Amino acid sequence: MSQPPKKQCVALYKFQGQQEGDLSFSVNSVITVLSQEGAWWHGELNGVRGLFPSNYVKLVEPETKGYLQEEEAEVERMKKYMEDQVKHLRDSFQQALEQAESINNNHQPSHEDLQELL
């Protein structure tokens, strides 16, 4: 018989433990909840167990966790796409700038150009 999925929560805020036995975590850390009693819960993160304030986290349903992972993957894909687009634009702009400087450096004003300036 398979065990029911363990409860997990996502950190809404950073928590730096103040006492021995507190569980410190960063924003978006996924903590396995071992017990829920009052304002302080007992949990595990990266093999470390300890107490943490329940109002710093939000419980995540198992199906929600998969959805969040999919959303995070989509955000990463979009971020990579945007970074590639910015790089392409930057490279295109740099190439156009170099071409303009080359034209400017190689351009000898004609007699007509000089007459227009006078």
PDB file of N, CA and C in Angstrom:
ATOM      1  N   MET A   1       0.838  -1.171   0.000  1.00  0.00           N
ATOM      2  CA  MET A   1       0.000   0.000   0.000  1.00  0.00           C
ATOM      3  C   MET A   1       0.891   1.246   0.000  1.00  0.00           C
ATOM      4  N   SER A   2       0.606   2.199  -0.887  1.00  0.00           N
ATOM      5  CA  SER A   2       1.422   3.399  -0.946  1.00  0.00           C
ATOM      6  C   SER A   2       0.997   4.381   0.133  1.00  0.00           C
ATOM      7  N   GLN A   3       1.957   5.132   0.596  1.00  0.00           N
ATOM      8  CA  GLN A   3       1.683   6.127   1.631  1.00  0.00           C
ATOM      9  C   GLN A   3       1.068   7.366   0.989  1.00  0.00           C
ATOM     10  N   PRO A   4       0.208   8.044   1.742  1.00  0.00           N
ATOM     11  CA  PRO A   4      -0.339   9.290   1.198  1.00  0.00           C
ATOM     12  C   PRO A   4       0.789  10.296   1.003  1.00  0.00           C
ATOM     13  N   PRO A   5       0.633  11.179   0.026  1.00  0.00           N
ATOM     14  CA  PRO A   5       1.701  12.159  -0.195  1.00  0.00           C
ATOM     15  C   PRO A   5       1.902  13.032   1.045  1.00  0.00           C
ATOM     16  N   LYS A   6       3.163  13.360   1.306  1.00  0.00           N
ATOM     17  CA  LYS A   6       3.472  14.213   2.451  1.00  0.00           C
ATOM     18  C   LYS A   6       3.009  15.633   2.153  1.00  0.00           C
ATOM     19  N   LYS A   7       2.563  16.297   3.205  1.00  0.00           N
ATOM     20  CA  LYS A   7       2.170  17.693   3.048  1.00  0.00           C
ATOM     21  C   LYS A   7       3.421  18.526   2.816  1.00  0.00           C
ATOM     22  N   GLN A   8       3.264  19.484   1.940  1.00  0.00           N
ATOM     23  CA  GLN A   8       4.356  20.401   1.693  1.00  0.00           C
ATOM     24  C   GLN A   8       3.824  21.821   1.698  1.00  0.00           C
ATOM     25  N   CYS A   9       4.736  22.753   1.938  1.00  0.00           N
ATOM     26  CA  CYS A   9       4.365  24.156   1.907  1.00  0.00           C
ATOM     27  C   CYS A   9       5.463  24.927   1.187  1.00  0.00           C
ATOM     28  N   VAL A  10       5.081  26.086   0.696  1.00  0.00           N
ATOM     29  CA  VAL A  10       6.018  26.964  -0.006  1.00  0.00           C
ATOM     30  C   VAL A  10       6.229  28.204   0.858  1.00  0.00           C
ATOM     31  N   ALA A  11       7.480  28.598   1.009  1.00  0.00           N
ATOM     32  CA  ALA A  11       7.804  29.769   1.822  1.00  0.00           C
ATOM     33  C   ALA A  11       7.400  31.051   1.100  1.00  0.00           C
ATOM     34  N   LEU A  12       6.613  31.864   1.781  1.00  0.00           N
ATOM     35  CA  LEU A  12       6.204  33.160   1.247  1.00  0.00           C
ATOM     36  C   LEU A  12       7.230  34.241   1.580  1.00  0.00           C
ATOM     37  N   TYR A  13       7.967  34.004   2.660  1.00  0.00           N
ATOM     38  CA  TYR A  13       8.961  34.964   3.139  1.00  0.00           C
ATOM     39  C   TYR A  13      10.219  34.211   3.555  1.00  0.00           C
ATOM     40  N   LYS A  14      11.319  34.924   3.636  1.00  0.00           N
ATOM     41  CA  LYS A  14      12.561  34.350   4.163  1.00  0.00           C
ATOM     42  C   LYS A  14      12.428  34.257   5.689  1.00  0.00           C
ATOM     43  N   PHE A  15      12.941  33.173   6.252  1.00  0.00           N
ATOM     44  CA  PHE A  15      12.958  33.025   7.706  1.00  0.00           C
ATOM     45  C   PHE A  15      14.347  32.588   8.137  1.00  0.00           C
ATOM     46  N   GLN A  16      14.970  33.389   8.976  1.00  0.00           N
ATOM     47  CA  GLN A  16      16.265  33.047   9.547  1.00  0.00           C
ATOM     48  C   GLN A  16      16.018  32.642  10.994  1.00  0.00           C
ATOM     49  N   GLY A  17      16.257  31.365  11.291  1.00  0.00           N
ATOM     50  CA  GLY A  17      16.012  30.863  12.635  1.00  0.00           C
ATOM     51  C   GLY A  17      16.724  31.677  13.696  1.00  0.00           C
ATOM     52  N   GLN A  18      16.071  31.855  14.831  1.00  0.00           N
ATOM     53  CA  GLN A  18      16.619  32.633  15.934  1.00  0.00           C
ATOM     54  C   GLN A  18      17.156  31.743  17.050  1.00  0.00           C
ATOM     55  N   GLN A  19      16.673  30.500  17.098  1.00  0.00           N
ATOM     56  CA  GLN A  19      17.060  29.591  18.177  1.00  0.00           C
ATOM     57  C   GLN A  19      17.484  28.257  17.585  1.00  0.00           C
ATOM     58  N   GLU A  20      18.207  27.490  18.380  1.00  0.00           N
ATOM     59  CA  GLU A  20      18.559  26.139  17.958  1.00  0.00           C
ATOM     60  C   GLU A  20      17.259  25.352  17.782  1.00  0.00           C
ATOM     61  N   GLY A  21      17.167  24.637  16.705  1.00  0.00           N
ATOM     62  CA  GLY A  21      15.960  23.867  16.425  1.00  0.00           C
ATOM     63  C   GLY A  21      15.005  24.557  15.471  1.00  0.00           C
ATOM     64  N   ASP A  22      15.284  25.838  15.130  1.00  0.00           N
ATOM     65  CA  ASP A  22      14.473  26.531  14.124  1.00  0.00           C
ATOM     66  C   ASP A  22      14.926  26.095  12.737  1.00  0.00           C
ATOM     67  N   LEU A  23      14.010  26.076  11.799  1.00  0.00           N
ATOM     68  CA  LEU A  23      14.310  25.712  10.417  1.00  0.00           C
ATOM     69  C   LEU A  23      14.356  26.989   9.579  1.00  0.00           C
ATOM     70  N   SER A  24      15.546  27.361   9.125  1.00  0.00           N
ATOM     71  CA  SER A  24      15.708  28.548   8.279  1.00  0.00           C
ATOM     72  C   SER A  24      15.407  28.189   6.836  1.00  0.00           C
ATOM     73  N   PHE A  25      14.879  29.167   6.083  1.00  0.00           N
ATOM     74  CA  PHE A  25      14.584  28.931   4.665  1.00  0.00           C
ATOM     75  C   PHE A  25      14.508  30.248   3.915  1.00  0.00           C
ATOM     76  N   SER A  26      14.539  30.144   2.597  1.00  0.00           N
ATOM     77  CA  SER A  26      14.441  31.298   1.701  1.00  0.00           C
ATOM     78  C   SER A  26      13.048  31.351   1.101  1.00  0.00           C
ATOM     79  N   VAL A  27      12.729  32.464   0.463  1.00  0.00           N
ATOM     80  CA  VAL A  27      11.466  32.594  -0.258  1.00  0.00           C
ATOM     81  C   VAL A  27      11.397  31.497  -1.316  1.00  0.00           C
ATOM     82  N   ASN A  28      10.245  30.898  -1.478  1.00  0.00           N
ATOM     83  CA  ASN A  28       9.957  29.833  -2.456  1.00  0.00           C
ATOM     84  C   ASN A  28      10.551  28.476  -2.094  1.00  0.00           C
ATOM     85  N   SER A  29      11.163  28.350  -0.915  1.00  0.00           N
ATOM     86  CA  SER A  29      11.629  27.033  -0.483  1.00  0.00           C
ATOM     87  C   SER A  29      10.409  26.125  -0.308  1.00  0.00           C
ATOM     88  N   VAL A  30      10.555  24.867  -0.697  1.00  0.00           N
ATOM     89  CA  VAL A  30       9.478  23.890  -0.532  1.00  0.00           C
ATOM     90  C   VAL A  30       9.835  23.017   0.670  1.00  0.00           C
ATOM     91  N   ILE A  31       9.030  23.129   1.719  1.00  0.00           N
ATOM     92  CA  ILE A  31       9.289  22.458   2.987  1.00  0.00           C
ATOM     93  C   ILE A  31       8.309  21.312   3.163  1.00  0.00           C
ATOM     94  N   THR A  32       8.807  20.155   3.574  1.00  0.00           N
ATOM     95  CA  THR A  32       7.948  19.030   3.910  1.00  0.00           C
ATOM     96  C   THR A  32       7.444  19.232   5.340  1.00  0.00           C
ATOM     97  N   VAL A  33       6.127  19.224   5.490  1.00  0.00           N
ATOM     98  CA  VAL A  33       5.521  19.445   6.806  1.00  0.00           C
ATOM     99  C   VAL A  33       5.437  18.112   7.535  1.00  0.00           C
ATOM    100  N   LEU A  34       6.064  18.042   8.703  1.00  0.00           N
ATOM    101  CA  LEU A  34       6.050  16.819   9.502  1.00  0.00           C
ATOM    102  C   LEU A  34       4.923  16.828  10.532  1.00  0.00           C
ATOM    103  N   SER A  35       4.637  18.015  11.065  1.00  0.00           N
ATOM    104  CA  SER A  35       3.501  18.153  11.995  1.00  0.00           C
ATOM    105  C   SER A  35       3.068  19.615  12.039  1.00  0.00           C
ATOM    106  N   GLN A  36       1.775  19.783  12.283  1.00  0.00           N
ATOM    107  CA  GLN A  36       1.188  21.117  12.353  1.00  0.00           C
ATOM    108  C   GLN A  36       0.531  21.285  13.722  1.00  0.00           C
ATOM    109  N   GLU A  37       1.135  22.119  14.532  1.00  0.00           N
ATOM    110  CA  GLU A  37       0.573  22.356  15.861  1.00  0.00           C
ATOM    111  C   GLU A  37       0.708  23.831  16.176  1.00  0.00           C
ATOM    112  N   GLY A  38      -0.397  24.534  16.189  1.00  0.00           N
ATOM    113  CA  GLY A  38      -0.380  25.946  16.538  1.00  0.00           C
ATOM    114  C   GLY A  38       0.310  26.797  15.495  1.00  0.00           C
ATOM    115  N   ALA A  39       0.975  27.844  15.979  1.00  0.00           N
ATOM    116  CA  ALA A  39       1.609  28.823  15.097  1.00  0.00           C
ATOM    117  C   ALA A  39       2.963  28.351  14.564  1.00  0.00           C
ATOM    118  N   TRP A  40       3.540  27.332  15.205  1.00  0.00           N
ATOM    119  CA  TRP A  40       4.838  26.815  14.771  1.00  0.00           C
ATOM    120  C   TRP A  40       4.681  25.369  14.315  1.00  0.00           C
ATOM    121  N   TRP A  41       5.146  25.100  13.110  1.00  0.00           N
ATOM    122  CA  TRP A  41       5.083  23.759  12.544  1.00  0.00           C
ATOM    123  C   TRP A  41       6.465  23.140  12.560  1.00  0.00           C
ATOM    124  N   HIS A  42       6.481  21.816  12.477  1.00  0.00           N
ATOM    125  CA  HIS A  42       7.730  21.077  12.390  1.00  0.00           C
ATOM    126  C   HIS A  42       7.870  20.614  10.945  1.00  0.00           C
ATOM    127  N   GLY A  43       9.038  20.861  10.347  1.00  0.00           N
ATOM    128  CA  GLY A  43       9.223  20.495   8.951  1.00  0.00           C
ATOM    129  C   GLY A  43      10.638  20.104   8.636  1.00  0.00           C
ATOM    130  N   GLU A  44      10.823  19.747   7.363  1.00  0.00           N
ATOM    131  CA  GLU A  44      12.139  19.316   6.887  1.00  0.00           C
ATOM    132  C   GLU A  44      12.438  19.979   5.549  1.00  0.00           C
ATOM    133  N   LEU A  45      13.662  20.459   5.447  1.00  0.00           N
ATOM    134  CA  LEU A  45      14.138  21.090   4.209  1.00  0.00           C
ATOM    135  C   LEU A  45      15.578  20.660   3.978  1.00  0.00           C
ATOM    136  N   ASN A  46      15.831  20.026   2.846  1.00  0.00           N
ATOM    137  CA  ASN A  46      17.184  19.580   2.490  1.00  0.00           C
ATOM    138  C   ASN A  46      17.820  18.721   3.586  1.00  0.00           C
ATOM    139  N   GLY A  47      17.015  17.853   4.180  1.00  0.00           N
ATOM    140  CA  GLY A  47      17.523  16.944   5.197  1.00  0.00           C
ATOM    141  C   GLY A  47      17.645  17.530   6.591  1.00  0.00           C
ATOM    142  N   VAL A  48      17.306  18.804   6.733  1.00  0.00           N
ATOM    143  CA  VAL A  48      17.369  19.468   8.044  1.00  0.00           C
ATOM    144  C   VAL A  48      15.946  19.616   8.568  1.00  0.00           C
ATOM    145  N   ARG A  49      15.772  19.243   9.848  1.00  0.00           N
ATOM    146  CA  ARG A  49      14.455  19.341  10.474  1.00  0.00           C
ATOM    147  C   ARG A  49      14.450  20.460  11.503  1.00  0.00           C
ATOM    148  N   GLY A  50      13.282  21.076  11.650  1.00  0.00           N
ATOM    149  CA  GLY A  50      13.174  22.117  12.660  1.00  0.00           C
ATOM    150  C   GLY A  50      11.805  22.760  12.660  1.00  0.00           C
ATOM    151  N   LEU A  51      11.646  23.722  13.556  1.00  0.00           N
ATOM    152  CA  LEU A  51      10.387  24.452  13.697  1.00  0.00           C
ATOM    153  C   LEU A  51      10.432  25.722  12.858  1.00  0.00           C
ATOM    154  N   PHE A  52       9.253  26.108  12.362  1.00  0.00           N
ATOM    155  CA  PHE A  52       9.157  27.329  11.575  1.00  0.00           C
ATOM    156  C   PHE A  52       7.767  27.936  11.753  1.00  0.00           C
ATOM    157  N   PRO A  53       7.637  29.247  11.562  1.00  0.00           N
ATOM    158  CA  PRO A  53       6.342  29.909  11.750  1.00  0.00           C
ATOM    159  C   PRO A  53       5.397  29.591  10.583  1.00  0.00           C
ATOM    160  N   SER A  54       4.215  29.123  10.924  1.00  0.00           N
ATOM    161  CA  SER A  54       3.258  28.718   9.897  1.00  0.00           C
ATOM    162  C   SER A  54       2.762  29.890   9.053  1.00  0.00           C
ATOM    163  N   ASN A  55       2.822  31.105   9.603  1.00  0.00           N
ATOM    164  CA  ASN A  55       2.346  32.252   8.827  1.00  0.00           C
ATOM    165  C   ASN A  55       3.366  32.731   7.791  1.00  0.00           C
ATOM    166  N   TYR A  56       4.518  32.074   7.710  1.00  0.00           N
ATOM    167  CA  TYR A  56       5.517  32.384   6.691  1.00  0.00           C
ATOM    168  C   TYR A  56       5.376  31.502   5.458  1.00  0.00           C
ATOM    169  N   VAL A  57       4.442  30.557   5.496  1.00  0.00           N
ATOM    170  CA  VAL A  57       4.331  29.571   4.422  1.00  0.00           C
ATOM    171  C   VAL A  57       2.874  29.421   3.976  1.00  0.00           C
ATOM    172  N   LYS A  58       2.725  28.746   2.839  1.00  0.00           N
ATOM    173  CA  LYS A  58       1.397  28.409   2.328  1.00  0.00           C
ATOM    174  C   LYS A  58       1.419  26.929   1.956  1.00  0.00           C
ATOM    175  N   LEU A  59       0.439  26.189   2.476  1.00  0.00           N
ATOM    176  CA  LEU A  59       0.357  24.770   2.129  1.00  0.00           C
ATOM    177  C   LEU A  59       0.108  24.620   0.635  1.00  0.00           C
ATOM    178  N   VAL A  60       0.722  23.594   0.062  1.00  0.00           N
ATOM    179  CA  VAL A  60       0.579  23.318  -1.365  1.00  0.00           C
ATOM    180  C   VAL A  60       0.012  21.919  -1.519  1.00  0.00           C
ATOM    181  N   GLU A  61      -1.070  21.822  -2.234  1.00  0.00           N
ATOM    182  CA  GLU A  61      -1.660  20.515  -2.522  1.00  0.00           C
ATOM    183  C   GLU A  61      -0.760  19.791  -3.517  1.00  0.00           C
ATOM    184  N   PRO A  62      -0.696  18.457  -3.465  1.00  0.00           N
ATOM    185  CA  PRO A  62       0.187  17.723  -4.376  1.00  0.00           C
ATOM    186  C   PRO A  62      -0.034  18.065  -5.846  1.00  0.00           C
ATOM    187  N   GLU A  63      -1.286  18.184  -6.279  1.00  0.00           N
ATOM    188  CA  GLU A  63      -1.523  18.516  -7.688  1.00  0.00           C
ATOM    189  C   GLU A  63      -1.121  19.950  -7.980  1.00  0.00           C
ATOM    190  N   THR A  64      -1.226  20.822  -6.992  1.00  0.00           N
ATOM    191  CA  THR A  64      -0.807  22.212  -7.173  1.00  0.00           C
ATOM    192  C   THR A  64       0.701  22.286  -7.325  1.00  0.00           C
ATOM    193  N   LYS A  65       1.407  21.454  -6.602  1.00  0.00           N
ATOM    194  CA  LYS A  65       2.860  21.456  -6.666  1.00  0.00           C
ATOM    195  C   LYS A  65       3.321  21.165  -8.101  1.00  0.00           C
ATOM    196  N   GLY A  66       2.720  20.170  -8.754  1.00  0.00           N
ATOM    197  CA  GLY A  66       3.059  19.874 -10.142  1.00  0.00           C
ATOM    198  C   GLY A  66       2.759  21.047 -11.048  1.00  0.00           C
ATOM    199  N   TYR A  67       1.631  21.695 -10.800  1.00  0.00           N
ATOM    200  CA  TYR A  67       1.262  22.860 -11.589  1.00  0.00           C
ATOM    201  C   TYR A  67       2.289  23.967 -11.392  1.00  0.00           C
ATOM    202  N   LEU A  68       2.711  24.192 -10.148  1.00  0.00           N
ATOM    203  CA  LEU A  68       3.706  25.225  -9.877  1.00  0.00           C
ATOM    204  C   LEU A  68       5.018  24.918 -10.583  1.00  0.00           C
ATOM    205  N   GLN A  69       5.410  23.658 -10.608  1.00  0.00           N
ATOM    206  CA  GLN A  69       6.642  23.283 -11.301  1.00  0.00           C
ATOM    207  C   GLN A  69       6.514  23.540 -12.794  1.00  0.00           C
ATOM    208  N   GLU A  70       5.345  23.252 -13.361  1.00  0.00           N
ATOM    209  CA  GLU A  70       5.118  23.538 -14.781  1.00  0.00           C
ATOM    210  C   GLU A  70       5.173  25.036 -15.043  1.00  0.00           C
ATOM    211  N   GLU A  71       4.563  25.810 -14.149  1.00  0.00           N
ATOM    212  CA  GLU A  71       4.575  27.268 -14.292  1.00  0.00           C
ATOM    213  C   GLU A  71       6.000  27.805 -14.193  1.00  0.00           C
ATOM    214  N   GLU A  72       6.779  27.289 -13.249  1.00  0.00           N
ATOM    215  CA  GLU A  72       8.163  27.722 -13.109  1.00  0.00           C
ATOM    216  C   GLU A  72       8.965  27.385 -14.368  1.00  0.00           C
ATOM    217  N   ALA A  73       8.723  26.215 -14.936  1.00  0.00           N
ATOM    218  CA  ALA A  73       9.417  25.828 -16.163  1.00  0.00           C
ATOM    219  C   ALA A  73       9.026  26.760 -17.309  1.00  0.00           C
ATOM    220  N   GLU A  74       7.751  27.119 -17.381  1.00  0.00           N
ATOM    221  CA  GLU A  74       7.300  28.035 -18.426  1.00  0.00           C
ATOM    222  C   GLU A  74       7.920  29.417 -18.245  1.00  0.00           C
ATOM    223  N   VAL A  75       8.019  29.878 -17.016  1.00  0.00           N
ATOM    224  CA  VAL A  75       8.652  31.171 -16.737  1.00  0.00           C
ATOM    225  C   VAL A  75      10.117  31.127 -17.176  1.00  0.00           C
ATOM    226  N   GLU A  76      10.802  30.028 -16.895  1.00  0.00           N
ATOM    227  CA  GLU A  76      12.202  29.897 -17.304  1.00  0.00           C
ATOM    228  C   GLU A  76      12.332  29.894 -18.827  1.00  0.00           C
ATOM    229  N   ARG A  77      11.402  29.204 -19.514  1.00  0.00           N
ATOM    230  CA  ARG A  77      11.431  29.203 -20.983  1.00  0.00           C
ATOM    231  C   ARG A  77      11.222  30.616 -21.523  1.00  0.00           C
ATOM    232  N   MET A  78      10.258  31.343 -20.948  1.00  0.00           N
ATOM    233  CA  MET A  78       9.985  32.708 -21.396  1.00  0.00           C
ATOM    234  C   MET A  78      11.178  33.622 -21.095  1.00  0.00           C
ATOM    235  N   LYS A  79      11.790  33.432 -19.951  1.00  0.00           N
ATOM    236  CA  LYS A  79      12.960  34.235 -19.587  1.00  0.00           C
ATOM    237  C   LYS A  79      14.083  34.007 -20.596  1.00  0.00           C
ATOM    238  N   LYS A  80      14.340  32.742 -20.938  1.00  0.00           N
ATOM    239  CA  LYS A  80      15.379  32.411 -21.916  1.00  0.00           C
ATOM    240  C   LYS A  80      15.040  33.025 -23.269  1.00  0.00           C
ATOM    241  N   TYR A  81      13.780  32.940 -23.684  1.00  0.00           N
ATOM    242  CA  TYR A  81      13.351  33.516 -24.954  1.00  0.00           C
ATOM    243  C   TYR A  81      13.602  35.026 -24.962  1.00  0.00           C
ATOM    244  N   MET A  82      13.218  35.704 -23.875  1.00  0.00           N
ATOM    245  CA  MET A  82      13.390  37.153 -23.794  1.00  0.00           C
ATOM    246  C   MET A  82      14.877  37.524 -23.791  1.00  0.00           C
ATOM    247  N   GLU A  83      15.692  36.749 -23.088  1.00  0.00           N
ATOM    248  CA  GLU A  83      17.132  37.009 -23.077  1.00  0.00           C
ATOM    249  C   GLU A  83      17.705  36.854 -24.483  1.00  0.00           C
ATOM    250  N   ASP A  84      17.253  35.830 -25.220  1.00  0.00           N
ATOM    251  CA  ASP A  84      17.716  35.630 -26.593  1.00  0.00           C
ATOM    252  C   ASP A  84      17.284  36.788 -27.488  1.00  0.00           C
ATOM    253  N   GLN A  85      16.050  37.274 -27.294  1.00  0.00           N
ATOM    254  CA  GLN A  85      15.559  38.398 -28.096  1.00  0.00           C
ATOM    255  C   GLN A  85      16.353  39.666 -27.810  1.00  0.00           C
ATOM    256  N   VAL A  86      16.632  39.921 -26.548  1.00  0.00           N
ATOM    257  CA  VAL A  86      17.418  41.106 -26.177  1.00  0.00           C
ATOM    258  C   VAL A  86      18.821  41.001 -26.765  1.00  0.00           C
ATOM    259  N   LYS A  87      19.423  39.813 -26.694  1.00  0.00           N
ATOM    260  CA  LYS A  87      20.760  39.629 -27.265  1.00  0.00           C
ATOM    261  C   LYS A  87      20.727  39.880 -28.771  1.00  0.00           C
ATOM    262  N   HIS A  88      19.717  39.353 -29.449  1.00  0.00           N
ATOM    263  CA  HIS A  88      19.598  39.563 -30.890  1.00  0.00           C
ATOM    264  C   HIS A  88      19.470  41.053 -31.212  1.00  0.00           C
ATOM    265  N   LEU A  89      18.611  41.759 -30.472  1.00  0.00           N
ATOM    266  CA  LEU A  89      18.440  43.191 -30.697  1.00  0.00           C
ATOM    267  C   LEU A  89      19.723  43.964 -30.418  1.00  0.00           C
ATOM    268  N   ARG A  90      20.395  43.595 -29.340  1.00  0.00           N
ATOM    269  CA  ARG A  90      21.651  44.265 -28.992  1.00  0.00           C
ATOM    270  C   ARG A  90      22.692  44.037 -30.083  1.00  0.00           C
ATOM    271  N   ASP A  91      22.798  42.793 -30.565  1.00  0.00           N
ATOM    272  CA  ASP A  91      23.753  42.489 -31.635  1.00  0.00           C
ATOM    273  C   ASP A  91      23.403  43.243 -32.912  1.00  0.00           C
ATOM    274  N   SER A  92      22.117  43.302 -33.255  1.00  0.00           N
ATOM    275  CA  SER A  92      21.683  44.024 -34.459  1.00  0.00           C
ATOM    276  C   SER A  92      21.986  45.508 -34.338  1.00  0.00           C
ATOM    277  N   PHE A  93      21.719  46.067 -33.166  1.00  0.00           N
ATOM    278  CA  PHE A  93      21.983  47.485 -32.945  1.00  0.00           C
ATOM    279  C   PHE A  93      23.477  47.772 -33.047  1.00  0.00           C
ATOM    280  N   GLN A  94      24.288  46.899 -32.442  1.00  0.00           N
ATOM    281  CA  GLN A  94      25.735  47.084 -32.486  1.00  0.00           C
ATOM    282  C   GLN A  94      26.237  47.010 -33.929  1.00  0.00           C
ATOM    283  N   GLN A  95      25.710  46.078 -34.699  1.00  0.00           N
ATOM    284  CA  GLN A  95      26.116  45.945 -36.097  1.00  0.00           C
ATOM    285  C   GLN A  95      25.725  47.196 -36.886  1.00  0.00           C
ATOM    286  N   ALA A  96      24.517  47.705 -36.675  1.00  0.00           N
ATOM    287  CA  ALA A  96      24.072  48.914 -37.370  1.00  0.00           C
ATOM    288  C   ALA A  96      24.937  50.111 -36.968  1.00  0.00           C
ATOM    289  N   LEU A  97      25.279  50.196 -35.698  1.00  0.00           N
ATOM    290  CA  LEU A  97      26.123  51.283 -35.216  1.00  0.00           C
ATOM    291  C   LEU A  97      27.503  51.220 -35.851  1.00  0.00           C
ATOM    292  N   GLU A  98      28.061  50.022 -35.925  1.00  0.00           N
ATOM    293  CA  GLU A  98      29.375  49.862 -36.553  1.00  0.00           C
ATOM    294  C   GLU A  98      29.325  50.232 -38.038  1.00  0.00           C
ATOM    295  N   GLN A  99      28.247  49.854 -38.722  1.00  0.00           N
ATOM    296  CA  GLN A  99      28.095  50.215 -40.129  1.00  0.00           C
ATOM    297  C   GLN A  99      27.986  51.730 -40.297  1.00  0.00           C
ATOM    298  N   ALA A 100      27.215  52.361 -39.418  1.00  0.00           N
ATOM    299  CA  ALA A 100      27.063  53.815 -39.491  1.00  0.00           C
ATOM    300  C   ALA A 100      28.394  54.510 -39.240  1.00  0.00           C
ATOM    301  N   GLU A 101      29.160  54.037 -38.270  1.00  0.00           N
ATOM    302  CA  GLU A 101      30.468  54.627 -37.996  1.00  0.00           C
ATOM    303  C   GLU A 101      31.407  54.418 -39.170  1.00  0.00           C
ATOM    304  N   SER A 102      31.338  53.257 -39.791  1.00  0.00           N
ATOM    305  CA  SER A 102      32.182  52.968 -40.941  1.00  0.00           C
ATOM    306  C   SER A 102      31.848  53.901 -42.102  1.00  0.00           C
ATOM    307  N   ILE A 103      30.559  54.075 -42.346  1.00  0.00           N
ATOM    308  CA  ILE A 103      30.128  54.977 -43.420  1.00  0.00           C
ATOM    309  C   ILE A 103      30.576  56.396 -43.100  1.00  0.00           C
ATOM    310  N   ASN A 104      30.404  56.808 -41.869  1.00  0.00           N
ATOM    311  CA  ASN A 104      30.776  58.152 -41.445  1.00  0.00           C
ATOM    312  C   ASN A 104      32.280  58.371 -41.587  1.00  0.00           C
ATOM    313  N   ASN A 105      33.076  57.365 -41.189  1.00  0.00           N
ATOM    314  CA  ASN A 105      34.533  57.495 -41.265  1.00  0.00           C
ATOM    315  C   ASN A 105      35.042  57.464 -42.703  1.00  0.00           C
ATOM    316  N   ASN A 106      34.361  56.768 -43.572  1.00  0.00           N
ATOM    317  CA  ASN A 106      34.794  56.636 -44.966  1.00  0.00           C
ATOM    318  C   ASN A 106      34.196  57.695 -45.883  1.00  0.00           C
ATOM    319  N   HIS A 107      33.294  58.476 -45.386  1.00  0.00           N
ATOM    320  CA  HIS A 107      32.606  59.451 -46.233  1.00  0.00           C
ATOM    321  C   HIS A 107      33.412  60.747 -46.308  1.00  0.00           C
ATOM    322  N   GLN A 108      33.821  61.077 -47.500  1.00  0.00           N
ATOM    323  CA  GLN A 108      34.479  62.357 -47.751  1.00  0.00           C
ATOM    324  C   GLN A 108      33.417  63.299 -48.284  1.00  0.00           C
ATOM    325  N   PRO A 109      33.206  64.428 -47.622  1.00  0.00           N
ATOM    326  CA  PRO A 109      32.159  65.329 -48.089  1.00  0.00           C
ATOM    327  C   PRO A 109      32.445  65.801 -49.508  1.00  0.00           C
ATOM    328  N   SER A 110      31.401  65.784 -50.296  1.00  0.00           N
ATOM    329  CA  SER A 110      31.526  66.262 -51.679  1.00  0.00           C
ATOM    330  C   SER A 110      31.442  67.779 -51.697  1.00  0.00           C
ATOM    331  N   HIS A 111      31.761  68.336 -52.840  1.00  0.00           N
ATOM    332  CA  HIS A 111      31.670  69.788 -53.022  1.00  0.00           C
ATOM    333  C   HIS A 111      30.250  70.258 -52.742  1.00  0.00           C
ATOM    334  N   GLU A 112      29.244  69.467 -53.169  1.00  0.00           N
ATOM    335  CA  GLU A 112      27.846  69.817 -52.939  1.00  0.00           C
ATOM    336  C   GLU A 112      27.509  69.800 -51.433  1.00  0.00           C
ATOM    337  N   ASP A 113      28.040  68.797 -50.716  1.00  0.00           N
ATOM    338  CA  ASP A 113      27.801  68.723 -49.266  1.00  0.00           C
ATOM    339  C   ASP A 113      28.336  69.975 -48.574  1.00  0.00           C
ATOM    340  N   LEU A 114      29.533  70.395 -48.959  1.00  0.00           N
ATOM    341  CA  LEU A 114      30.140  71.572 -48.359  1.00  0.00           C
ATOM    342  C   LEU A 114      29.352  72.825 -48.708  1.00  0.00           C
ATOM    343  N   GLN A 115      28.837  72.911 -49.927  1.00  0.00           N
ATOM    344  CA  GLN A 115      28.044  74.065 -50.345  1.00  0.00           C
ATOM    345  C   GLN A 115      26.750  74.163 -49.511  1.00  0.00           C
ATOM    346  N   GLU A 116      26.152  73.012 -49.192  1.00  0.00           N
ATOM    347  CA  GLU A 116      24.932  73.005 -48.380  1.00  0.00           C
ATOM    348  C   GLU A 116      25.190  73.553 -46.992  1.00  0.00           C
ATOM    349  N   LEU A 117      26.376  73.317 -46.464  1.00  0.00           N
ATOM    350  CA  LEU A 117      26.719  73.801 -45.136  1.00  0.00           C
ATOM    351  C   LEU A 117      26.910  75.310 -45.115  1.00  0.00           C
ATOM    352  N   LEU A 118      27.288  75.898 -46.236  1.00  0.00           N
ATOM    353  CA  LEU A 118      27.524  77.348 -46.295  1.00  0.00           C
ATOM    354  C   LEU A 118      26.239  78.018 -46.530  1.00  0.00           C
TER     355      LEU A 118
END
